[in-house]
PDB file of N, CA and C in Angstrom:
ATOM      1  N   UNK A   1     -10.069  10.164 -10.635  1.00  0.00           N
ATOM      2  CA  UNK A   1      -9.190  10.059 -10.435  1.00  0.00           C
ATOM      3  C   UNK A   1      -7.877  10.690  -9.936  1.00  0.00           C
ATOM      4  N   UNK A   2      -7.631  11.222  -8.564  1.00  0.00           N
ATOM      5  CA  UNK A   2      -6.633  12.012  -7.954  1.00  0.00           C
ATOM      6  C   UNK A   2      -5.341  12.018  -8.640  1.00  0.00           C
ATOM      7  N   UNK A   3      -4.807  13.048  -8.741  1.00  0.00           N
ATOM      8  CA  UNK A   3      -3.316  12.606  -9.433  1.00  0.00           C
ATOM      9  C   UNK A   3      -2.481  12.525  -8.315  1.00  0.00           C
ATOM     10  N   UNK A   4      -3.045  13.645  -7.227  1.00  0.00           N
ATOM     11  CA  UNK A   4      -1.852  14.096  -6.072  1.00  0.00           C
ATOM     12  C   UNK A   4      -2.251  13.300  -4.403  1.00  0.00           C
ATOM     13  N   UNK A   5      -1.361  13.147  -4.273  1.00  0.00           N
ATOM     14  CA  UNK A   5      -1.325  12.090  -2.700  1.00  0.00           C
ATOM     15  C   UNK A   5      -0.680  13.027  -1.871  1.00  0.00           C
ATOM     16  N   UNK A   6      -1.156  13.000  -0.914  1.00  0.00           N
ATOM     17  CA  UNK A   6      -0.363  14.114   0.615  1.00  0.00           C
ATOM     18  C   UNK A   6      -0.073  12.657   1.568  1.00  0.00           C
ATOM     19  N   UNK A   7       1.895  12.404   1.667  1.00  0.00           N
ATOM     20  CA  UNK A   7       2.030  10.880   2.354  1.00  0.00           C
ATOM     21  C   UNK A   7       2.670  11.463   3.306  1.00  0.00           C
ATOM     22  N   UNK A   8       2.265  10.701   4.157  1.00  0.00           N
ATOM     23  CA  UNK A   8       3.322  11.018   5.742  1.00  0.00           C
ATOM     24  C   UNK A   8       4.298   9.855   5.342  1.00  0.00           C
ATOM     25  N   UNK A   9       5.806  11.224   6.232  1.00  0.00           N
ATOM     26  CA  UNK A   9       6.862  10.280   6.375  1.00  0.00           C
ATOM     27  C   UNK A   9       7.149  10.812   7.824  1.00  0.00           C
ATOM     28  N   UNK A  10       8.271   9.944   8.368  1.00  0.00           N
ATOM     29  CA  UNK A  10       8.616  10.477   9.773  1.00  0.00           C
ATOM     30  C   UNK A  10       9.405  11.485   9.680  1.00  0.00           C
ATOM     31  N   UNK A  11       9.237  12.196  10.891  1.00  0.00           N
ATOM     32  CA  UNK A  11       9.685  13.535  10.882  1.00  0.00           C
ATOM     33  C   UNK A  11      10.771  13.539  11.467  1.00  0.00           C
ATOM     34  N   UNK A  12      12.480  13.763  10.936  1.00  0.00           N
ATOM     35  CA  UNK A  12      13.275  13.492  11.667  1.00  0.00           C
ATOM     36  C   UNK A  12      13.310  13.856  12.649  1.00  0.00           C
ATOM     37  N   UNK A  13      14.346  13.798  13.733  1.00  0.00           N
ATOM     38  CA  UNK A  13      14.412  13.934  15.127  1.00  0.00           C
ATOM     39  C   UNK A  13      15.524  15.614  15.058  1.00  0.00           C
ATOM     40  N   UNK A  14      15.033  16.450  15.565  1.00  0.00           N
ATOM     41  CA  UNK A  14      15.586  17.857  15.524  1.00  0.00           C
ATOM     42  C   UNK A  14      15.818  18.523  14.138  1.00  0.00           C
ATOM     43  N   UNK A  15      14.913  17.926  12.837  1.00  0.00           N
ATOM     44  CA  UNK A  15      14.616  18.794  11.864  1.00  0.00           C
ATOM     45  C   UNK A  15      14.034  20.165  11.676  1.00  0.00           C
ATOM     46  N   UNK A  16      14.015  21.004  11.444  1.00  0.00           N
ATOM     47  CA  UNK A  16      13.420  22.166  11.987  1.00  0.00           C
ATOM     48  C   UNK A  16      13.125  22.612  10.380  1.00  0.00           C
ATOM     49  N   UNK A  17      11.564  22.224   9.845  1.00  0.00           N
ATOM     50  CA  UNK A  17      11.157  22.976   8.543  1.00  0.00           C
ATOM     51  C   UNK A  17      11.571  24.306   8.432  1.00  0.00           C
ATOM     52  N   UNK A  18      12.004  24.665   6.968  1.00  0.00           N
ATOM     53  CA  UNK A  18      11.965  26.361   6.942  1.00  0.00           C
ATOM     54  C   UNK A  18      10.622  27.091   6.298  1.00  0.00           C
ATOM     55  N   UNK A  19       9.321  26.360   6.170  1.00  0.00           N
ATOM     56  CA  UNK A  19       8.346  26.843   6.427  1.00  0.00           C
ATOM     57  C   UNK A  19       7.069  25.457   6.259  1.00  0.00           C
ATOM     58  N   UNK A  20       6.263  25.427   6.232  1.00  0.00           N
ATOM     59  CA  UNK A  20       5.169  24.098   6.613  1.00  0.00           C
ATOM     60  C   UNK A  20       4.935  23.172   5.049  1.00  0.00           C
ATOM     61  N   UNK A  21       5.403  23.728   4.255  1.00  0.00           N
ATOM     62  CA  UNK A  21       5.896  22.825   2.932  1.00  0.00           C
ATOM     63  C   UNK A  21       6.874  22.453   2.729  1.00  0.00           C
ATOM     64  N   UNK A  22       7.503  22.624   3.631  1.00  0.00           N
ATOM     65  CA  UNK A  22       9.089  22.202   3.544  1.00  0.00           C
ATOM     66  C   UNK A  22       9.157  20.595   3.550  1.00  0.00           C
ATOM     67  N   UNK A  23      10.290  20.057   2.853  1.00  0.00           N
ATOM     68  CA  UNK A  23      10.595  18.451   2.958  1.00  0.00           C
ATOM     69  C   UNK A  23      12.169  18.190   3.616  1.00  0.00           C
ATOM     70  N   UNK A  24      12.309  17.659   4.613  1.00  0.00           N
ATOM     71  CA  UNK A  24      13.529  16.844   5.070  1.00  0.00           C
ATOM     72  C   UNK A  24      14.659  16.454   3.848  1.00  0.00           C
ATOM     73  N   UNK A  25      15.813  16.987   4.509  1.00  0.00           N
ATOM     74  CA  UNK A  25      16.453  16.113   3.598  1.00  0.00           C
ATOM     75  C   UNK A  25      16.395  14.735   3.267  1.00  0.00           C
ATOM     76  N   UNK A  26      16.761  13.797   4.123  1.00  0.00           N
ATOM     77  CA  UNK A  26      16.273  12.788   4.578  1.00  0.00           C
ATOM     78  C   UNK A  26      14.964  12.147   4.314  1.00  0.00           C
ATOM     79  N   UNK A  27      14.248  11.847   3.945  1.00  0.00           N
ATOM     80  CA  UNK A  27      12.657  11.065   3.370  1.00  0.00           C
ATOM     81  C   UNK A  27      12.482   9.847   4.111  1.00  0.00           C
ATOM     82  N   UNK A  28      13.049   9.334   4.316  1.00  0.00           N
ATOM     83  CA  UNK A  28      12.932   7.557   4.379  1.00  0.00           C
ATOM     84  C   UNK A  28      11.884   7.266   3.583  1.00  0.00           C
ATOM     85  N   UNK A  29      10.695   6.275   4.246  1.00  0.00           N
ATOM     86  CA  UNK A  29       9.877   5.938   3.319  1.00  0.00           C
ATOM     87  C   UNK A  29       8.217   6.633   3.739  1.00  0.00           C
ATOM     88  N   UNK A  30       7.467   6.331   2.596  1.00  0.00           N
ATOM     89  CA  UNK A  30       6.289   7.250   2.833  1.00  0.00           C
ATOM     90  C   UNK A  30       5.388   5.659   4.199  1.00  0.00           C
ATOM     91  N   UNK A  31       4.728   6.702   4.531  1.00  0.00           N
ATOM     92  CA  UNK A  31       3.818   5.746   6.136  1.00  0.00           C
ATOM     93  C   UNK A  31       3.187   5.295   5.638  1.00  0.00           C
ATOM     94  N   UNK A  32       2.388   6.280   5.266  1.00  0.00           N
ATOM     95  CA  UNK A  32       0.695   6.542   5.134  1.00  0.00           C
ATOM     96  C   UNK A  32       0.254   7.011   3.765  1.00  0.00           C
ATOM     97  N   UNK A  33      -0.597   7.593   3.427  1.00  0.00           N
ATOM     98  CA  UNK A  33      -1.514   8.443   2.622  1.00  0.00           C
ATOM     99  C   UNK A  33      -2.375   8.787   3.421  1.00  0.00           C
ATOM    100  N   UNK A  34      -2.383  10.113   3.530  1.00  0.00           N
ATOM    101  CA  UNK A  34      -3.356  10.530   4.305  1.00  0.00           C
ATOM    102  C   UNK A  34      -4.490  11.436   3.207  1.00  0.00           C
ATOM    103  N   UNK A  35      -4.064  11.899   2.280  1.00  0.00           N
ATOM    104  CA  UNK A  35      -5.365  12.115   1.460  1.00  0.00           C
ATOM    105  C   UNK A  35      -5.029  11.983   0.047  1.00  0.00           C
ATOM    106  N   UNK A  36      -5.949  11.957  -1.119  1.00  0.00           N
ATOM    107  CA  UNK A  36      -5.701  12.351  -2.385  1.00  0.00           C
ATOM    108  C   UNK A  36      -6.448  13.341  -2.811  1.00  0.00           C
ATOM    109  N   UNK A  37      -5.990  14.111  -3.750  1.00  0.00           N
ATOM    110  CA  UNK A  37      -6.640  15.578  -4.776  1.00  0.00           C
ATOM    111  C   UNK A  37      -6.220  15.645  -6.053  1.00  0.00           C
ATOM    112  N   UNK A  38      -7.320  16.050  -6.823  1.00  0.00           N
ATOM    113  CA  UNK A  38      -7.201  16.654  -8.061  1.00  0.00           C
ATOM    114  C   UNK A  38      -6.088  17.860  -8.269  1.00  0.00           C
ATOM    115  N   UNK A  39      -6.125  18.477  -7.697  1.00  0.00           N
ATOM    116  CA  UNK A  39      -5.278  19.622  -7.934  1.00  0.00           C
ATOM    117  C   UNK A  39      -3.566  19.373  -7.315  1.00  0.00           C
ATOM    118  N   UNK A  40      -2.797  19.934  -7.563  1.00  0.00           N
ATOM    119  CA  UNK A  40      -1.084  20.089  -6.703  1.00  0.00           C
ATOM    120  C   UNK A  40      -1.836  21.203  -5.600  1.00  0.00           C
ATOM    121  N   UNK A  41      -2.385  21.953  -5.730  1.00  0.00           N
ATOM    122  CA  UNK A  41      -2.552  23.256  -4.480  1.00  0.00           C
ATOM    123  C   UNK A  41      -3.396  22.870  -3.870  1.00  0.00           C
ATOM    124  N   UNK A  42      -4.381  22.060  -4.293  1.00  0.00           N
ATOM    125  CA  UNK A  42      -5.303  21.739  -3.198  1.00  0.00           C
ATOM    126  C   UNK A  42      -4.619  20.690  -1.846  1.00  0.00           C
ATOM    127  N   UNK A  43      -4.094  19.983  -2.989  1.00  0.00           N
ATOM    128  CA  UNK A  43      -2.867  18.490  -2.128  1.00  0.00           C
ATOM    129  C   UNK A  43      -2.204  19.407  -1.046  1.00  0.00           C
ATOM    130  N   UNK A  44      -1.424  20.562  -1.722  1.00  0.00           N
ATOM    131  CA  UNK A  44      -0.591  21.310  -0.856  1.00  0.00           C
ATOM    132  C   UNK A  44      -1.106  22.281   0.183  1.00  0.00           C
ATOM    133  N   UNK A  45      -2.500  22.695   0.282  1.00  0.00           N
ATOM    134  CA  UNK A  45      -3.086  23.173   0.704  1.00  0.00           C
ATOM    135  C   UNK A  45      -3.614  22.115   1.963  1.00  0.00           C
ATOM    136  N   UNK A  46      -3.693  21.301   2.026  1.00  0.00           N
ATOM    137  CA  UNK A  46      -4.052  20.001   3.073  1.00  0.00           C
ATOM    138  C   UNK A  46      -3.191  19.570   3.632  1.00  0.00           C
ATOM    139  N   UNK A  47      -1.307  19.445   2.693  1.00  0.00           N
ATOM    140  CA  UNK A  47      -0.235  19.146   3.234  1.00  0.00           C
ATOM    141  C   UNK A  47      -0.405  20.473   4.623  1.00  0.00           C
ATOM    142  N   UNK A  48       0.143  21.634   4.087  1.00  0.00           N
ATOM    143  CA  UNK A  48       0.050  22.551   4.672  1.00  0.00           C
ATOM    144  C   UNK A  48      -0.529  22.479   6.414  1.00  0.00           C
ATOM    145  N   UNK A  49      -1.799  22.770   5.674  1.00  0.00           N
ATOM    146  CA  UNK A  49      -2.724  22.271   7.285  1.00  0.00           C
ATOM    147  C   UNK A  49      -2.591  21.156   8.311  1.00  0.00           C
ATOM    148  N   UNK A  50      -1.753  19.972   7.298  1.00  0.00           N
ATOM    149  CA  UNK A  50      -1.880  18.856   8.367  1.00  0.00           C
ATOM    150  C   UNK A  50      -0.522  19.148   9.070  1.00  0.00           C
ATOM    151  N   UNK A  51       0.671  20.067   8.228  1.00  0.00           N
ATOM    152  CA  UNK A  51       1.875  20.266   8.886  1.00  0.00           C
ATOM    153  C   UNK A  51       1.686  20.914  10.046  1.00  0.00           C
ATOM    154  N   UNK A  52       1.144  22.460   9.882  1.00  0.00           N
ATOM    155  CA  UNK A  52       0.754  23.238  10.635  1.00  0.00           C
ATOM    156  C   UNK A  52       0.247  22.898  12.959  1.00  0.00           C
ATOM    157  N   UNK A  53      -1.029  21.903  12.027  1.00  0.00           N
ATOM    158  CA  UNK A  53      -1.564  20.930  13.333  1.00  0.00           C
ATOM    159  C   UNK A  53      -0.327  20.042  14.056  1.00  0.00           C
ATOM    160  N   UNK A  54       0.356  19.494  13.428  1.00  0.00           N
ATOM    161  CA  UNK A  54       1.211  18.687  13.258  1.00  0.00           C
ATOM    162  C   UNK A  54       2.454  19.329  14.516  1.00  0.00           C
ATOM    163  N   UNK A  55       2.608  20.163  13.942  1.00  0.00           N
ATOM    164  CA  UNK A  55       3.537  20.995  14.708  1.00  0.00           C
ATOM    165  C   UNK A  55       3.359  21.446  16.335  1.00  0.00           C
ATOM    166  N   UNK A  56       1.669  22.210  16.209  1.00  0.00           N
ATOM    167  CA  UNK A  56       1.249  22.176  16.973  1.00  0.00           C
ATOM    168  C   UNK A  56       1.037  20.930  18.329  1.00  0.00           C
ATOM    169  N   UNK A  57       1.068  19.730  17.604  1.00  0.00           N
ATOM    170  CA  UNK A  57       0.636  18.820  18.745  1.00  0.00           C
ATOM    171  C   UNK A  57       2.231  17.797  18.592  1.00  0.00           C
ATOM    172  N   UNK A  58       3.256  18.698  17.569  1.00  0.00           N
ATOM    173  CA  UNK A  58       4.368  18.115  18.208  1.00  0.00           C
ATOM    174  C   UNK A  58       4.703  16.266  17.485  1.00  0.00           C
ATOM    175  N   UNK A  59       3.888  15.897  17.445  1.00  0.00           N
ATOM    176  CA  UNK A  59       3.432  14.729  16.286  1.00  0.00           C
ATOM    177  C   UNK A  59       5.404  14.438  15.417  1.00  0.00           C
ATOM    178  N   UNK A  60       5.235  12.952  15.249  1.00  0.00           N
ATOM    179  CA  UNK A  60       6.727  12.975  14.660  1.00  0.00           C
ATOM    180  C   UNK A  60       6.406  12.004  13.599  1.00  0.00           C
ATOM    181  N   UNK A  61       4.860  12.794  12.705  1.00  0.00           N
ATOM    182  CA  UNK A  61       4.877  12.779  10.990  1.00  0.00           C
ATOM    183  C   UNK A  61       4.541  14.013  10.300  1.00  0.00           C
ATOM    184  N   UNK A  62       4.850  13.876   9.093  1.00  0.00           N
ATOM    185  CA  UNK A  62       4.864  15.302   8.521  1.00  0.00           C
ATOM    186  C   UNK A  62       4.037  14.955   7.105  1.00  0.00           C
ATOM    187  N   UNK A  63       3.473  15.902   6.987  1.00  0.00           N
ATOM    188  CA  UNK A  63       2.792  15.369   5.148  1.00  0.00           C
ATOM    189  C   UNK A  63       3.864  16.075   4.197  1.00  0.00           C
ATOM    190  N   UNK A  64       3.922  15.380   3.228  1.00  0.00           N
ATOM    191  CA  UNK A  64       4.709  16.180   1.872  1.00  0.00           C
ATOM    192  C   UNK A  64       3.174  15.792   0.867  1.00  0.00           C
ATOM    193  N   UNK A  65       3.758  16.454  -0.688  1.00  0.00           N
ATOM    194  CA  UNK A  65       2.676  15.812  -1.880  1.00  0.00           C
ATOM    195  C   UNK A  65       3.494  15.354  -3.064  1.00  0.00           C
ATOM    196  N   UNK A  66       2.996  13.813  -2.992  1.00  0.00           N
ATOM    197  CA  UNK A  66       3.600  13.160  -4.310  1.00  0.00           C
ATOM    198  C   UNK A  66       2.853  13.230  -5.600  1.00  0.00           C
ATOM    199  N   UNK A  67       3.028  12.982  -6.401  1.00  0.00           N
ATOM    200  CA  UNK A  67       2.755  12.436  -7.634  1.00  0.00           C
ATOM    201  C   UNK A  67       2.917  10.962  -7.805  1.00  0.00           C
ATOM    202  N   UNK A  68       1.773   9.914  -7.715  1.00  0.00           N
ATOM    203  CA  UNK A  68       1.993   8.823  -7.428  1.00  0.00           C
ATOM    204  C   UNK A  68       1.893   8.003  -8.916  1.00  0.00           C
ATOM    205  N   UNK A  69       2.874   7.374  -9.401  1.00  0.00           N
ATOM    206  CA  UNK A  69       2.982   6.824 -10.789  1.00  0.00           C
ATOM    207  C   UNK A  69       4.130   7.235 -11.860  1.00  0.00           C
ATOM    208  N   UNK A  70       4.728   8.524 -11.174  1.00  0.00           N
ATOM    209  CA  UNK A  70       5.687   8.873 -11.954  1.00  0.00           C
ATOM    210  C   UNK A  70       6.987   8.599 -11.532  1.00  0.00           C
ATOM    211  N   UNK A  71       8.464   8.318 -11.960  1.00  0.00           N
ATOM    212  CA  UNK A  71       9.723   8.406 -11.732  1.00  0.00           C
ATOM    213  C   UNK A  71       9.898   9.522 -10.769  1.00  0.00           C
ATOM    214  N   UNK A  72      10.543   9.189  -9.302  1.00  0.00           N
ATOM    215  CA  UNK A  72      10.600  10.217  -8.598  1.00  0.00           C
ATOM    216  C   UNK A  72      12.390  10.112  -8.143  1.00  0.00           C
ATOM    217  N   UNK A  73      12.975  11.314  -8.129  1.00  0.00           N
ATOM    218  CA  UNK A  73      14.280  10.913  -7.631  1.00  0.00           C
ATOM    219  C   UNK A  73      14.222  10.418  -6.253  1.00  0.00           C
ATOM    220  N   UNK A  74      13.130  11.150  -5.351  1.00  0.00           N
ATOM    221  CA  UNK A  74      13.647  10.140  -3.716  1.00  0.00           C
ATOM    222  C   UNK A  74      12.786   8.460  -3.758  1.00  0.00           C
ATOM    223  N   UNK A  75      12.012   8.907  -4.793  1.00  0.00           N
ATOM    224  CA  UNK A  75      11.089   7.471  -4.747  1.00  0.00           C
ATOM    225  C   UNK A  75      10.665   6.860  -6.075  1.00  0.00           C
ATOM    226  N   UNK A  76      11.109   5.607  -6.236  1.00  0.00           N
ATOM    227  CA  UNK A  76      10.756   5.014  -7.496  1.00  0.00           C
ATOM    228  C   UNK A  76       9.408   5.586  -8.226  1.00  0.00           C
ATOM    229  N   UNK A  77       8.393   5.302  -6.814  1.00  0.00           N
ATOM    230  CA  UNK A  77       6.744   5.197  -7.515  1.00  0.00           C
ATOM    231  C   UNK A  77       6.119   6.741  -7.345  1.00  0.00           C
ATOM    232  N   UNK A  78       6.690   7.589  -6.996  1.00  0.00           N
ATOM    233  CA  UNK A  78       6.377   8.924  -6.663  1.00  0.00           C
ATOM    234  C   UNK A  78       7.320  10.154  -7.329  1.00  0.00           C
ATOM    235  N   UNK A  79       6.391  11.086  -7.293  1.00  0.00           N
ATOM    236  CA  UNK A  79       7.556  12.420  -7.763  1.00  0.00           C
ATOM    237  C   UNK A  79       7.261  12.702  -6.936  1.00  0.00           C
ATOM    238  N   UNK A  80       8.299  13.650  -5.832  1.00  0.00           N
ATOM    239  CA  UNK A  80       7.758  14.743  -5.100  1.00  0.00           C
ATOM    240  C   UNK A  80       7.352  16.023  -5.835  1.00  0.00           C
ATOM    241  N   UNK A  81       6.587  16.438  -5.042  1.00  0.00           N
ATOM    242  CA  UNK A  81       6.202  18.212  -5.400  1.00  0.00           C
ATOM    243  C   UNK A  81       6.387  19.140  -4.603  1.00  0.00           C
ATOM    244  N   UNK A  82       6.712  19.340  -3.308  1.00  0.00           N
ATOM    245  CA  UNK A  82       6.756  20.073  -2.272  1.00  0.00           C
ATOM    246  C   UNK A  82       8.245  19.687  -1.861  1.00  0.00           C
ATOM    247  N   UNK A  83       8.806  21.184  -1.265  1.00  0.00           N
ATOM    248  CA  UNK A  83       8.308  22.291  -1.244  1.00  0.00           C
ATOM    249  C   UNK A  83       7.904  22.738  -2.663  1.00  0.00           C
ATOM    250  N   UNK A  84       6.848  23.947  -2.631  1.00  0.00           N
ATOM    251  CA  UNK A  84       7.409  24.962  -3.991  1.00  0.00           C
ATOM    252  C   UNK A  84       7.345  25.841  -3.913  1.00  0.00           C
ATOM    253  N   UNK A  85       8.174  26.155  -5.096  1.00  0.00           N
ATOM    254  CA  UNK A  85       9.463  27.338  -4.857  1.00  0.00           C
ATOM    255  C   UNK A  85       8.784  27.778  -6.126  1.00  0.00           C
ATOM    256  N   UNK A  86       8.192  29.284  -5.706  1.00  0.00           N
ATOM    257  CA  UNK A  86       7.830  30.488  -7.134  1.00  0.00           C
ATOM    258  C   UNK A  86       9.184  31.259  -7.430  1.00  0.00           C
ATOM    259  N   UNK A  87       9.207  31.397  -9.132  1.00  0.00           N
ATOM    260  CA  UNK A  87      10.079  32.286  -8.989  1.00  0.00           C
ATOM    261  C   UNK A  87       9.269  32.926 -10.235  1.00  0.00           C
ATOM    262  N   UNK A  88       9.299  34.454 -10.143  1.00  0.00           N
ATOM    263  CA  UNK A  88       8.725  36.085 -10.951  1.00  0.00           C
ATOM    264  C   UNK A  88       9.955  36.323 -11.988  1.00  0.00           C
ATOM    265  N   UNK A  89       9.458  36.126 -13.095  1.00  0.00           N
ATOM    266  CA  UNK A  89      10.052  36.888 -14.649  1.00  0.00           C
ATOM    267  C   UNK A  89       8.677  37.354 -15.284  1.00  0.00           C
ATOM    268  N   UNK A  90      10.029  38.840 -15.949  1.00  0.00           N
ATOM    269  CA  UNK A  90       9.082  39.397 -16.613  1.00  0.00           C
ATOM    270  C   UNK A  90       9.155  38.872 -17.781  1.00  0.00           C
ATOM    271  N   UNK A  91       8.283  38.576 -18.542  1.00  0.00           N
ATOM    272  CA  UNK A  91       8.280  38.351 -20.152  1.00  0.00           C
ATOM    273  C   UNK A  91       7.624  39.223 -21.592  1.00  0.00           C
ATOM    274  N   UNK A  92       7.977  39.487 -22.606  1.00  0.00           N
ATOM    275  CA  UNK A  92       7.983  39.961 -23.275  1.00  0.00           C
ATOM    276  C   UNK A  92       6.434  39.877 -23.449  1.00  0.00           C
ATOM    277  N   UNK A  93       5.395  41.261 -23.818  1.00  0.00           N
ATOM    278  CA  UNK A  93       3.825  40.676 -24.298  1.00  0.00           C
ATOM    279  C   UNK A  93       4.134  40.747 -25.452  1.00  0.00           C
ATOM    280  N   UNK A  94       3.810  39.671 -26.480  1.00  0.00           N
ATOM    281  CA  UNK A  94       3.214  39.664 -27.746  1.00  0.00           C
ATOM    282  C   UNK A  94       1.718  40.520 -27.963  1.00  0.00           C
ATOM    283  N   UNK A  95       2.283  41.181 -29.380  1.00  0.00           N
ATOM    284  CA  UNK A  95       1.114  42.344 -29.815  1.00  0.00           C
ATOM    285  C   UNK A  95       0.341  41.434 -30.076  1.00  0.00           C
ATOM    286  N   UNK A  96      -0.815  41.412 -29.932  1.00  0.00           N
ATOM    287  CA  UNK A  96      -2.283  41.504 -29.853  1.00  0.00           C
ATOM    288  C   UNK A  96      -2.734  39.947 -29.152  1.00  0.00           C
ATOM    289  N   UNK A  97      -1.708  40.032 -28.221  1.00  0.00           N
ATOM    290  CA  UNK A  97      -1.846  38.369 -26.925  1.00  0.00           C
ATOM    291  C   UNK A  97      -3.300  39.521 -26.051  1.00  0.00           C
ATOM    292  N   UNK A  98      -3.817  38.865 -25.651  1.00  0.00           N
ATOM    293  CA  UNK A  98      -4.271  39.147 -24.366  1.00  0.00           C
ATOM    294  C   UNK A  98      -4.558  38.188 -23.327  1.00  0.00           C
ATOM    295  N   UNK A  99      -4.422  38.339 -22.371  1.00  0.00           N
ATOM    296  CA  UNK A  99      -4.034  36.965 -20.860  1.00  0.00           C
ATOM    297  C   UNK A  99      -5.772  37.184 -20.388  1.00  0.00           C
ATOM    298  N   UNK A 100      -5.900  35.778 -20.784  1.00  0.00           N
ATOM    299  CA  UNK A 100      -7.332  35.247 -20.154  1.00  0.00           C
ATOM    300  C   UNK A 100      -7.348  35.107 -18.617  1.00  0.00           C
ATOM    301  N   UNK A 101      -6.437  34.737 -17.746  1.00  0.00           N
ATOM    302  CA  UNK A 101      -6.295  34.776 -16.475  1.00  0.00           C
ATOM    303  C   UNK A 101      -4.974  35.596 -16.108  1.00  0.00           C
ATOM    304  N   UNK A 102      -5.155  35.859 -14.723  1.00  0.00           N
ATOM    305  CA  UNK A 102      -3.755  36.276 -14.163  1.00  0.00           C
ATOM    306  C   UNK A 102      -2.434  35.448 -14.464  1.00  0.00           C
ATOM    307  N   UNK A 103      -2.850  34.274 -14.350  1.00  0.00           N
ATOM    308  CA  UNK A 103      -1.754  33.187 -14.226  1.00  0.00           C
ATOM    309  C   UNK A 103      -1.799  32.735 -16.082  1.00  0.00           C
ATOM    310  N   UNK A 104      -1.932  33.245 -16.760  1.00  0.00           N
ATOM    311  CA  UNK A 104      -1.879  33.121 -18.273  1.00  0.00           C
ATOM    312  C   UNK A 104      -0.544  33.642 -18.565  1.00  0.00           C
ATOM    313  N   UNK A 105      -0.349  32.950 -20.031  1.00  0.00           N
ATOM    314  CA  UNK A 105       1.246  33.066 -19.956  1.00  0.00           C
ATOM    315  C   UNK A 105       0.994  32.411 -21.600  1.00  0.00           C
ATOM    316  N   UNK A 106       1.981  33.342 -22.424  1.00  0.00           N
ATOM    317  CA  UNK A 106       1.616  33.144 -24.310  1.00  0.00           C
ATOM    318  C   UNK A 106       2.234  32.207 -24.144  1.00  0.00           C
ATOM    319  N   UNK A 107       2.249  31.294 -25.415  1.00  0.00           N
ATOM    320  CA  UNK A 107       2.350  30.330 -25.652  1.00  0.00           C
ATOM    321  C   UNK A 107       4.025  30.153 -26.160  1.00  0.00           C
ATOM    322  N   UNK A 108       4.482  31.334 -26.774  1.00  0.00           N
ATOM    323  CA  UNK A 108       6.201  31.655 -27.112  1.00  0.00           C
ATOM    324  C   UNK A 108       6.231  32.575 -26.096  1.00  0.00           C
ATOM    325  N   UNK A 109       7.458  32.227 -25.131  1.00  0.00           N
ATOM    326  CA  UNK A 109       7.824  33.469 -24.134  1.00  0.00           C
ATOM    327  C   UNK A 109       8.518  33.545 -24.489  1.00  0.00           C
ATOM    328  N   UNK A 110       9.112  35.318 -24.558  1.00  0.00           N
ATOM    329  CA  UNK A 110      10.273  35.556 -24.454  1.00  0.00           C
ATOM    330  C   UNK A 110      11.463  36.349 -23.633  1.00  0.00           C
ATOM    331  N   UNK A 111      12.870  36.241 -23.743  1.00  0.00           N
ATOM    332  CA  UNK A 111      13.593  37.025 -22.805  1.00  0.00           C
ATOM    333  C   UNK A 111      13.032  38.392 -22.542  1.00  0.00           C
ATOM    334  N   UNK A 112      12.729  38.819 -20.719  1.00  0.00           N
ATOM    335  CA  UNK A 112      12.356  40.249 -21.151  1.00  0.00           C
ATOM    336  C   UNK A 112      13.381  41.384 -21.308  1.00  0.00           C
TER     337      UNK A 112
END
């Protein structure tokens, strides 16, 4: 069962996105569901690919990633997951703890 949907919205006239995963300030209503994905990163990748192709074709639709079935600020039936924003923070590495992957984080995170 897919957890994320790539929804198409009307691209506002004159709106210039800051990046291929950007979202306009005025969203309007979802027009259609482009596809679904189990991973947020796979969904964002699909939305970016659509938006990059749409930019070349100058279509009036824009793809955004939503998590359906969760309460959202813009839409009651789905939480908006794009744009993605990352912040890098240094953490204290607990003695004896070893990461399992490059994105692993210890259970108790302390300020650096």
